[in-house]
Amino acid sequence: MSLRHAVLGLLADQGAASGYDLLKRFEGSLANIWPATQSQLYGELGKLTTDGLIEISAEGARGRKEYEITESGRTELRHWMTEVLPVPVKRDETMLRVFLLGTIEPEQRRRFLTDAATRLRTRLAELEDLERRIDWNDDDLSTYGHLVLDWGQRFMAMRADWFTDVAEHIDRPAAAAPTGSAPTSPSPGPSSAS
């Protein structure tokens, strides 16, 4: 459902746009948190138009259509932003693999962990490069986009550090408790049934 709201948000924030323009906006600002393919985006534009949340504001050469958000679309966006709680993502394939590391050989475990750390550091470098390339300004999209990019950088750095730490401790006793691990649950107290 969030592709719908991403489109509404871009139209509300940046004004009318064609499908092509919106795809470029996605690639330039949302690709790291909510990617969309051309077919997904154009399909969603059709649904939003049918639902009366956007309208075609202009038609140009070769069937190019420009879309703008309607008042109903603004109402829907405000409702989603202020009253609908996000559903947390509960699936993480990488963490599932970590959970199952005991099913492979020790050398394969270390390789998996170090490869994961390397991929995350590569992704972190890409986000840092993206931050340098963007022409940040004082508008809301830049302000909040920069905050999301900062979150992404911190998240990638934290995960990369965690994978590196686990890879270094994987063969030691109590490997599941590297530095900074969560506290364990206290043991139950003495039984009151005596």
Protein backbone atom coordinates (compact mmCIF):
# COMPACT_ATOMS: atom_id res chain seq x y z
CA MET A 1 0.00 0.00 0.00
CA SER A 2 2.91 2.40 0.57
CA LEU A 3 3.73 2.82 -3.13
CA ARG A 4 0.39 4.61 -3.34
CA HIS A 5 1.38 6.95 -0.55
CA ALA A 6 4.87 7.50 -1.91
CA VAL A 7 3.35 8.69 -5.21
CA LEU A 8 0.85 10.91 -3.40
CA GLY A 9 3.65 12.33 -1.26
CA LEU A 10 5.88 13.15 -4.22
CA LEU A 11 3.00 14.84 -6.05
CA ALA A 12 2.00 16.75 -2.91
CA ASP A 13 5.55 17.88 -2.20
CA GLN A 14 6.91 18.54 -5.68
CA GLY A 15 3.82 19.25 -7.75
CA ALA A 16 2.43 17.80 -10.97
CA ALA A 17 4.54 15.30 -12.88
CA SER A 18 4.40 12.75 -15.66
CA GLY A 19 4.93 9.06 -14.97
CA TYR A 20 8.45 9.39 -16.36
CA ASP A 21 9.17 12.36 -14.08
CA LEU A 22 7.85 10.44 -11.08
CA LEU A 23 10.02 7.45 -11.95
CA LYS A 24 13.05 9.75 -12.01
CA ARG A 25 11.99 11.23 -8.65
CA PHE A 26 11.78 7.72 -7.22
CA GLU A 27 15.21 6.87 -8.57
CA GLY A 28 16.67 10.09 -7.17
CA SER A 29 15.10 10.07 -3.74
CA LEU A 30 13.21 6.92 -2.75
CA ALA A 31 15.07 4.10 -4.48
CA ASN A 32 16.96 3.23 -1.29
CA ILE A 33 13.88 2.89 0.89
CA TRP A 34 10.95 2.20 -1.42
CA PRO A 35 12.04 1.22 -4.94
CA ALA A 36 9.48 1.03 -7.72
CA THR A 37 9.71 -0.35 -11.23
CA GLN A 38 8.19 1.45 -14.20
CA SER A 39 5.36 -1.08 -14.45
CA GLN A 40 4.56 -0.81 -10.73
CA LEU A 41 4.52 2.97 -10.89
CA TYR A 42 2.35 3.22 -14.01
CA GLY A 43 -0.03 0.62 -12.58
CA GLU A 44 -0.33 2.64 -9.38
CA LEU A 45 -0.94 5.86 -11.33
CA GLY A 46 -3.88 4.15 -13.04
CA LYS A 47 -5.33 2.99 -9.71
CA LEU A 48 -4.85 6.40 -8.09
CA THR A 49 -6.62 8.07 -11.03
CA THR A 50 -9.51 5.59 -10.88
CA ASP A 51 -9.80 6.16 -7.12
CA GLY A 52 -9.90 9.94 -7.62
CA LEU A 53 -6.75 10.56 -5.57
CA ILE A 54 -4.88 12.05 -8.53
CA GLU A 55 -6.03 13.45 -11.84
CA ILE A 56 -4.55 14.01 -15.26
CA SER A 57 -3.74 17.71 -15.40
CA ALA A 58 -2.26 17.79 -18.91
CA GLU A 59 -1.76 15.54 -21.91
CA GLY A 60 1.10 16.07 -24.29
CA ALA A 61 2.68 14.60 -27.35
CA ARG A 62 2.81 10.81 -27.72
CA GLY A 63 0.25 10.29 -24.96
CA ARG A 64 2.38 11.81 -22.21
CA LYS A 65 0.15 12.50 -19.21
CA GLU A 66 0.90 14.80 -16.32
CA TYR A 67 -0.67 13.96 -12.97
CA GLU A 68 -1.49 16.09 -9.96
CA ILE A 69 -2.82 15.21 -6.54
CA THR A 70 -6.49 15.96 -5.80
CA GLU A 71 -7.92 17.19 -2.52
CA SER A 72 -9.07 13.62 -1.85
CA GLY A 73 -5.49 12.51 -2.43
CA ARG A 74 -4.19 15.08 0.06
CA THR A 75 -6.76 13.90 2.59
CA GLU A 76 -5.71 10.26 2.06
CA LEU A 77 -2.03 11.18 2.43
CA ARG A 78 -2.66 13.14 5.65
CA HIS A 79 -4.73 10.26 7.04
CA TRP A 80 -2.00 7.74 6.24
CA MET A 81 0.74 9.98 7.67
CA THR A 82 -1.05 10.79 10.91
CA GLU A 83 -3.47 7.98 11.71
CA VAL A 84 -2.24 4.72 10.20
CA LEU A 85 0.50 2.96 12.15
CA PRO A 86 3.25 1.44 10.00
CA VAL A 87 3.39 -2.35 9.95
CA PRO A 88 6.89 -3.36 11.05
CA VAL A 89 8.80 -5.56 8.65
CA LYS A 90 9.29 -8.89 10.36
CA ARG A 91 11.32 -10.74 7.76
CA ASP A 92 15.07 -10.46 7.47
CA GLU A 93 16.61 -13.14 5.28
CA THR A 94 20.13 -12.30 6.41
CA MET A 95 19.23 -12.76 10.09
CA LEU A 96 17.48 -16.02 9.24
CA ARG A 97 20.74 -17.23 7.73
CA VAL A 98 22.65 -16.12 10.84
CA PHE A 99 20.18 -18.09 12.95
CA LEU A 100 20.94 -21.17 10.83
CA LEU A 101 24.74 -20.79 10.68
CA GLY A 102 25.15 -23.92 12.78
CA THR A 103 24.09 -25.98 9.76
CA ILE A 104 27.24 -25.17 7.77
CA GLU A 105 30.97 -25.61 8.34
CA PRO A 106 32.93 -23.09 10.48
CA GLU A 107 34.86 -21.72 7.49
CA GLN A 108 31.59 -21.20 5.58
CA ARG A 109 30.17 -19.37 8.61
CA ARG A 110 33.11 -16.98 8.76
CA ARG A 111 32.95 -16.39 5.01
CA PHE A 112 29.20 -15.67 5.19
CA LEU A 113 29.73 -13.18 8.02
CA THR A 114 32.72 -11.41 6.46
CA ASP A 115 31.00 -11.29 3.06
CA ALA A 116 27.92 -9.76 4.69
CA ALA A 117 30.08 -7.13 6.41
CA THR A 118 31.83 -6.35 3.11
CA ARG A 119 28.51 -5.96 1.26
CA LEU A 120 27.20 -3.66 3.98
CA ARG A 121 30.34 -1.51 3.91
CA THR A 122 30.05 -1.27 0.12
CA ARG A 123 26.43 -0.18 0.51
CA LEU A 124 27.47 2.33 3.18
CA ALA A 125 30.06 3.79 0.79
CA GLU A 126 27.36 4.10 -1.89
CA LEU A 127 25.11 6.00 0.53
CA GLU A 128 27.97 8.29 1.54
CA ASP A 129 28.68 8.96 -2.14
CA LEU A 130 25.00 9.66 -2.72
CA GLU A 131 25.03 12.16 0.13
CA ARG A 132 27.97 14.01 -1.47
CA ARG A 133 26.32 14.08 -4.92
CA ILE A 134 22.93 15.42 -3.83
CA ASP A 135 22.40 19.16 -4.02
CA TRP A 136 20.82 19.57 -0.57
CA ASN A 137 18.76 22.69 0.08
CA ASP A 138 16.35 23.99 2.73
CA ASP A 139 13.10 22.48 1.47
CA ASP A 140 11.26 19.79 3.40
CA LEU A 141 12.14 17.02 0.94
CA SER A 142 15.86 17.73 1.41
CA THR A 143 15.56 18.04 5.18
CA TYR A 144 13.68 14.81 5.72
CA GLY A 145 15.39 13.00 2.87
CA HIS A 146 18.73 13.79 4.51
CA LEU A 147 17.45 12.40 7.81
CA VAL A 148 16.43 9.14 6.10
CA LEU A 149 19.81 8.94 4.38
CA ASP A 150 21.53 9.47 7.74
CA TRP A 151 19.45 6.64 9.20
CA GLY A 152 20.47 4.38 6.32
CA GLN A 153 24.15 5.16 6.82
CA ARG A 154 23.97 4.50 10.56
CA PHE A 155 22.01 1.28 10.02
CA MET A 156 24.50 -0.04 7.44
CA ALA A 157 27.46 0.90 9.67
CA MET A 158 25.90 -0.79 12.71
CA ARG A 159 25.12 -3.99 10.81
CA ALA A 160 28.58 -4.08 9.20
CA ASP A 161 30.22 -3.65 12.62
CA TRP A 162 28.00 -6.37 14.09
CA PHE A 163 28.84 -8.87 11.33
CA THR A 164 32.55 -8.09 11.70
CA ASP A 165 32.35 -8.59 15.47
CA VAL A 166 30.47 -11.88 15.15
CA ALA A 167 32.92 -13.14 12.49
CA GLU A 168 35.80 -12.47 14.89
CA HIS A 169 34.11 -14.34 17.74
CA ILE A 170 32.33 -17.15 15.89
CA ASP A 171 34.66 -19.96 16.99
CA ARG A 172 35.04 -18.89 20.61
CA PRO A 173 32.97 -20.33 23.44
CA ALA A 174 29.82 -18.32 24.09
CA ALA A 175 30.08 -16.93 20.56
CA ALA A 176 26.46 -15.85 20.72
CA ALA A 177 27.33 -13.12 23.22
CA PRO A 178 29.74 -10.68 21.52
CA THR A 179 30.29 -7.29 23.07
CA GLY A 180 27.16 -5.22 23.31
CA SER A 181 24.84 -8.23 23.46
CA ALA A 182 21.38 -7.90 24.89
CA PRO A 183 21.00 -8.84 28.54
CA THR A 184 19.75 -12.32 29.29
CA SER A 185 16.49 -12.89 31.11
CA PRO A 186 16.85 -13.25 34.87
CA SER A 187 16.40 -16.76 36.18
CA PRO A 188 13.15 -17.42 37.97
CA GLY A 189 13.25 -16.96 41.73
CA PRO A 190 12.79 -19.73 44.26
CA SER A 191 9.53 -21.61 44.09
CA SER A 192 6.90 -20.51 46.59
CA ALA A 193 5.40 -24.00 46.69
CA SER A 194 7.27 -25.60 49.60
